[in-house]
């Protein structure tokens, strides 16, 4: 299991929904890969649907950026990304790292 800080990746759509929707399946495959590798902890669309949020972990900022760069939404320029890094010092009992 990977250690490291947590990151809130806040995506905001910057393209028409038709372009976003055309990339949903590749984006979801990207997310699944992140879950399979233990990097993504939670994700989902914003309400209202203006983008999405990914909770992720990575050992370094470079590793995190490399991961984000693999997102089809990023590669095709349909979303802008704002990343907040934090060091979790408290957590719910049901969460383990």
N, C-alpha and C. Protein backbone atom coordinates (compact mmCIF):
# COMPACT_ATOMS: atom_id res chain seq x y z
N UNK A 1 0.84 -1.18 0.00
CA UNK A 1 0.00 0.00 0.00
C UNK A 1 0.88 1.23 0.00
N UNK A 2 0.55 2.19 -0.81
CA UNK A 2 1.32 3.40 -0.96
C UNK A 2 1.09 4.36 0.21
N UNK A 3 2.15 4.96 0.68
CA UNK A 3 2.04 5.99 1.71
C UNK A 3 1.93 7.34 1.02
N UNK A 4 2.24 8.40 1.74
CA UNK A 4 2.28 9.71 1.12
C UNK A 4 1.11 10.57 1.53
N UNK A 5 1.13 11.77 0.99
CA UNK A 5 0.07 12.73 1.28
C UNK A 5 -1.16 12.45 0.44
N UNK A 6 -2.24 13.08 0.84
CA UNK A 6 -3.47 12.99 0.08
C UNK A 6 -3.63 14.23 -0.78
N UNK A 7 -4.38 14.07 -1.85
CA UNK A 7 -4.63 15.15 -2.79
C UNK A 7 -6.11 15.19 -3.13
N UNK A 8 -6.67 16.38 -3.09
CA UNK A 8 -8.01 16.60 -3.61
C UNK A 8 -7.82 17.19 -5.00
N UNK A 9 -8.22 16.43 -6.00
CA UNK A 9 -8.10 16.87 -7.39
C UNK A 9 -9.47 17.35 -7.82
N UNK A 10 -9.59 18.65 -8.03
CA UNK A 10 -10.86 19.29 -8.38
C UNK A 10 -10.84 19.62 -9.87
N UNK A 11 -11.69 18.92 -10.63
CA UNK A 11 -11.79 19.13 -12.07
C UNK A 11 -12.96 20.05 -12.37
N UNK A 12 -12.74 20.98 -13.28
CA UNK A 12 -13.80 21.86 -13.77
C UNK A 12 -13.84 21.73 -15.28
N UNK A 13 -15.02 21.40 -15.81
CA UNK A 13 -15.15 21.26 -17.26
C UNK A 13 -14.96 22.61 -17.94
N UNK A 14 -14.17 22.60 -19.02
CA UNK A 14 -13.92 23.81 -19.78
C UNK A 14 -14.29 23.62 -21.26
N UNK A 15 -15.02 22.54 -21.53
CA UNK A 15 -15.46 22.25 -22.90
C UNK A 15 -16.94 21.91 -22.86
N UNK A 16 -17.54 21.86 -24.03
CA UNK A 16 -18.95 21.48 -24.14
C UNK A 16 -19.15 20.07 -23.58
N UNK A 17 -20.36 19.85 -23.04
CA UNK A 17 -20.66 18.53 -22.48
C UNK A 17 -20.55 17.43 -23.52
N UNK A 18 -20.78 17.74 -24.77
CA UNK A 18 -20.67 16.71 -25.80
C UNK A 18 -19.24 16.16 -25.86
N UNK A 19 -18.25 17.03 -25.68
CA UNK A 19 -16.85 16.59 -25.68
C UNK A 19 -16.52 15.82 -24.41
N UNK A 20 -17.05 16.30 -23.27
CA UNK A 20 -16.84 15.61 -22.00
C UNK A 20 -17.47 14.22 -22.06
N UNK A 21 -18.72 14.16 -22.50
CA UNK A 21 -19.44 12.89 -22.56
C UNK A 21 -18.75 11.88 -23.47
N UNK A 22 -18.14 12.36 -24.56
CA UNK A 22 -17.45 11.47 -25.48
C UNK A 22 -16.22 10.82 -24.84
N UNK A 23 -15.72 11.42 -23.75
CA UNK A 23 -14.53 10.90 -23.08
C UNK A 23 -14.84 10.21 -21.75
N UNK A 24 -16.12 10.06 -21.42
CA UNK A 24 -16.49 9.47 -20.13
C UNK A 24 -15.95 8.05 -19.96
N UNK A 25 -16.10 7.21 -20.96
CA UNK A 25 -15.63 5.82 -20.82
C UNK A 25 -14.11 5.75 -20.65
N UNK A 26 -13.32 6.44 -21.48
CA UNK A 26 -11.87 6.43 -21.24
C UNK A 26 -11.49 7.03 -19.88
N UNK A 27 -12.21 8.07 -19.45
CA UNK A 27 -11.95 8.67 -18.14
C UNK A 27 -12.25 7.66 -17.03
N UNK A 28 -13.34 6.93 -17.16
CA UNK A 28 -13.69 5.93 -16.14
C UNK A 28 -12.69 4.78 -16.14
N UNK A 29 -12.15 4.42 -17.28
CA UNK A 29 -11.10 3.39 -17.34
C UNK A 29 -9.85 3.90 -16.62
N UNK A 30 -9.52 5.18 -16.81
CA UNK A 30 -8.40 5.81 -16.10
C UNK A 30 -8.64 5.74 -14.59
N UNK A 31 -9.87 6.08 -14.15
CA UNK A 31 -10.19 6.02 -12.72
C UNK A 31 -10.07 4.59 -12.20
N UNK A 32 -10.59 3.63 -12.93
CA UNK A 32 -10.52 2.24 -12.49
C UNK A 32 -9.08 1.80 -12.30
N UNK A 33 -8.22 2.19 -13.22
CA UNK A 33 -6.80 1.85 -13.09
C UNK A 33 -6.21 2.45 -11.81
N UNK A 34 -6.59 3.69 -11.51
CA UNK A 34 -6.13 4.32 -10.28
C UNK A 34 -6.60 3.59 -9.04
N UNK A 35 -7.85 3.13 -9.06
CA UNK A 35 -8.37 2.34 -7.93
C UNK A 35 -7.64 1.00 -7.85
N UNK A 36 -7.43 0.36 -8.99
CA UNK A 36 -6.75 -0.94 -9.02
C UNK A 36 -5.34 -0.85 -8.45
N UNK A 37 -4.70 0.31 -8.64
CA UNK A 37 -3.33 0.51 -8.13
C UNK A 37 -3.30 1.11 -6.73
N UNK A 38 -4.46 1.30 -6.11
CA UNK A 38 -4.51 1.81 -4.75
C UNK A 38 -4.19 3.28 -4.62
N UNK A 39 -4.29 4.02 -5.72
CA UNK A 39 -3.96 5.44 -5.71
C UNK A 39 -5.19 6.30 -5.48
N UNK A 40 -6.32 5.92 -6.06
CA UNK A 40 -7.55 6.69 -5.89
C UNK A 40 -8.35 6.11 -4.73
N UNK A 41 -8.89 7.00 -3.91
CA UNK A 41 -9.66 6.60 -2.74
C UNK A 41 -11.14 6.87 -2.91
N UNK A 42 -11.49 7.89 -3.66
CA UNK A 42 -12.89 8.25 -3.92
C UNK A 42 -12.91 9.18 -5.12
N UNK A 43 -14.04 9.18 -5.84
CA UNK A 43 -14.20 10.09 -6.97
C UNK A 43 -15.67 10.20 -7.31
N UNK A 44 -16.00 11.27 -8.02
CA UNK A 44 -17.37 11.43 -8.48
C UNK A 44 -17.61 12.80 -9.05
N UNK A 45 -18.77 12.96 -9.72
CA UNK A 45 -19.10 14.24 -10.32
C UNK A 45 -19.55 15.25 -9.26
N UNK A 46 -19.33 16.52 -9.58
CA UNK A 46 -19.84 17.60 -8.74
C UNK A 46 -21.34 17.74 -8.98
N UNK A 47 -22.01 18.35 -8.03
CA UNK A 47 -23.43 18.65 -8.17
C UNK A 47 -23.61 20.13 -7.91
N UNK A 48 -23.98 20.95 -8.87
CA UNK A 48 -24.36 20.58 -10.24
C UNK A 48 -23.15 20.09 -11.04
N UNK A 49 -23.41 19.52 -12.18
CA UNK A 49 -22.39 18.87 -13.00
C UNK A 49 -21.50 19.90 -13.70
N UNK A 50 -20.54 20.41 -12.95
CA UNK A 50 -19.58 21.37 -13.51
C UNK A 50 -18.19 20.77 -13.59
N UNK A 51 -18.04 19.52 -13.15
CA UNK A 51 -16.75 18.85 -13.13
C UNK A 51 -16.83 17.67 -12.19
N UNK A 52 -15.70 17.35 -11.57
CA UNK A 52 -15.64 16.21 -10.67
C UNK A 52 -14.55 16.40 -9.64
N UNK A 53 -14.49 15.44 -8.72
CA UNK A 53 -13.50 15.47 -7.65
C UNK A 53 -12.90 14.07 -7.52
N UNK A 54 -11.59 14.02 -7.34
CA UNK A 54 -10.88 12.76 -7.08
C UNK A 54 -10.07 12.94 -5.81
N UNK A 55 -10.21 12.00 -4.89
CA UNK A 55 -9.36 11.96 -3.70
C UNK A 55 -8.30 10.90 -3.98
N UNK A 56 -7.04 11.32 -3.96
CA UNK A 56 -5.95 10.43 -4.35
C UNK A 56 -4.80 10.53 -3.35
N UNK A 57 -3.89 9.59 -3.47
CA UNK A 57 -2.67 9.66 -2.68
C UNK A 57 -1.47 9.39 -3.58
N UNK A 58 -0.37 9.98 -3.20
CA UNK A 58 0.87 9.81 -3.96
C UNK A 58 2.04 10.13 -3.06
N UNK A 59 3.19 9.55 -3.36
CA UNK A 59 4.38 9.79 -2.56
C UNK A 59 4.99 11.15 -2.83
N UNK A 60 4.87 11.62 -4.07
CA UNK A 60 5.49 12.89 -4.44
C UNK A 60 4.55 13.68 -5.34
N UNK A 61 4.80 14.98 -5.44
CA UNK A 61 4.02 15.81 -6.36
C UNK A 61 4.25 15.40 -7.80
N UNK A 62 5.48 15.01 -8.12
CA UNK A 62 5.80 14.58 -9.49
C UNK A 62 4.99 13.33 -9.84
N UNK A 63 4.89 12.40 -8.90
CA UNK A 63 4.11 11.18 -9.12
C UNK A 63 2.63 11.53 -9.33
N UNK A 64 2.12 12.42 -8.51
CA UNK A 64 0.74 12.85 -8.64
C UNK A 64 0.50 13.51 -9.99
N UNK A 65 1.41 14.38 -10.42
CA UNK A 65 1.24 15.06 -11.70
C UNK A 65 1.30 14.09 -12.87
N UNK A 66 2.19 13.11 -12.77
CA UNK A 66 2.29 12.10 -13.82
C UNK A 66 0.97 11.34 -13.95
N UNK A 67 0.35 11.05 -12.82
CA UNK A 67 -0.93 10.36 -12.81
C UNK A 67 -2.02 11.22 -13.46
N UNK A 68 -2.12 12.48 -13.05
CA UNK A 68 -3.13 13.38 -13.61
C UNK A 68 -2.95 13.53 -15.12
N UNK A 69 -1.71 13.58 -15.56
CA UNK A 69 -1.44 13.74 -16.99
C UNK A 69 -1.94 12.56 -17.82
N UNK A 70 -2.25 11.44 -17.19
CA UNK A 70 -2.77 10.26 -17.89
C UNK A 70 -4.28 10.31 -18.07
N UNK A 71 -4.95 11.26 -17.42
CA UNK A 71 -6.41 11.36 -17.52
C UNK A 71 -6.80 11.83 -18.91
N UNK A 72 -7.66 11.09 -19.61
CA UNK A 72 -8.11 11.54 -20.93
C UNK A 72 -8.73 12.94 -20.92
N UNK A 73 -9.40 13.32 -19.83
CA UNK A 73 -9.94 14.67 -19.74
C UNK A 73 -8.81 15.70 -19.82
N UNK A 74 -7.70 15.42 -19.20
CA UNK A 74 -6.54 16.32 -19.23
C UNK A 74 -5.90 16.30 -20.62
N UNK A 75 -5.71 15.10 -21.14
CA UNK A 75 -5.05 14.96 -22.44
C UNK A 75 -5.82 15.64 -23.57
N UNK A 76 -7.13 15.63 -23.47
CA UNK A 76 -7.97 16.23 -24.52
C UNK A 76 -8.40 17.67 -24.20
N UNK A 77 -7.97 18.19 -23.05
CA UNK A 77 -8.23 19.59 -22.72
C UNK A 77 -9.68 19.93 -22.43
N UNK A 78 -10.43 18.97 -21.86
CA UNK A 78 -11.84 19.27 -21.56
C UNK A 78 -12.06 19.67 -20.10
N UNK A 79 -11.00 19.58 -19.28
CA UNK A 79 -11.14 19.94 -17.87
C UNK A 79 -9.90 20.69 -17.39
N UNK A 80 -10.13 21.62 -16.48
CA UNK A 80 -9.04 22.30 -15.78
C UNK A 80 -8.91 21.63 -14.42
N UNK A 81 -7.70 21.59 -13.89
CA UNK A 81 -7.42 20.86 -12.66
C UNK A 81 -6.88 21.81 -11.60
N UNK A 82 -7.44 21.71 -10.40
CA UNK A 82 -6.91 22.40 -9.23
C UNK A 82 -6.63 21.32 -8.19
N UNK A 83 -5.39 21.26 -7.71
CA UNK A 83 -4.99 20.21 -6.78
C UNK A 83 -4.64 20.82 -5.44
N UNK A 84 -5.24 20.27 -4.39
CA UNK A 84 -4.91 20.67 -3.02
C UNK A 84 -4.27 19.47 -2.33
N UNK A 85 -3.05 19.65 -1.89
CA UNK A 85 -2.35 18.59 -1.16
C UNK A 85 -2.56 18.80 0.33
N UNK A 86 -2.76 17.70 1.05
CA UNK A 86 -2.84 17.82 2.50
C UNK A 86 -2.26 16.59 3.17
N UNK A 87 -1.82 16.78 4.39
CA UNK A 87 -1.26 15.71 5.20
C UNK A 87 -2.30 15.31 6.23
N UNK A 88 -2.96 14.16 6.06
CA UNK A 88 -4.02 13.78 6.99
C UNK A 88 -3.45 13.44 8.37
N UNK A 89 -3.85 14.20 9.37
CA UNK A 89 -3.39 13.93 10.73
C UNK A 89 -4.50 13.29 11.57
N UNK A 90 -5.73 13.34 11.09
CA UNK A 90 -6.85 12.66 11.74
C UNK A 90 -7.68 11.99 10.65
N UNK A 91 -8.37 10.92 11.04
CA UNK A 91 -9.22 10.20 10.09
C UNK A 91 -10.30 9.46 10.84
N UNK A 92 -11.34 9.08 10.15
CA UNK A 92 -12.39 8.24 10.71
C UNK A 92 -11.85 6.84 10.94
N UNK A 93 -12.39 6.14 11.90
CA UNK A 93 -11.93 4.79 12.20
C UNK A 93 -12.09 3.84 11.02
N UNK A 94 -13.06 4.10 10.16
CA UNK A 94 -13.32 3.20 9.03
C UNK A 94 -12.31 3.40 7.89
N UNK A 95 -11.44 4.39 7.99
CA UNK A 95 -10.46 4.66 6.94
C UNK A 95 -9.09 4.17 7.39
N UNK A 96 -8.42 3.42 6.51
CA UNK A 96 -7.07 2.97 6.83
C UNK A 96 -6.13 3.36 5.69
N UNK A 97 -4.88 3.58 6.03
CA UNK A 97 -3.86 3.93 5.05
C UNK A 97 -2.78 2.86 5.07
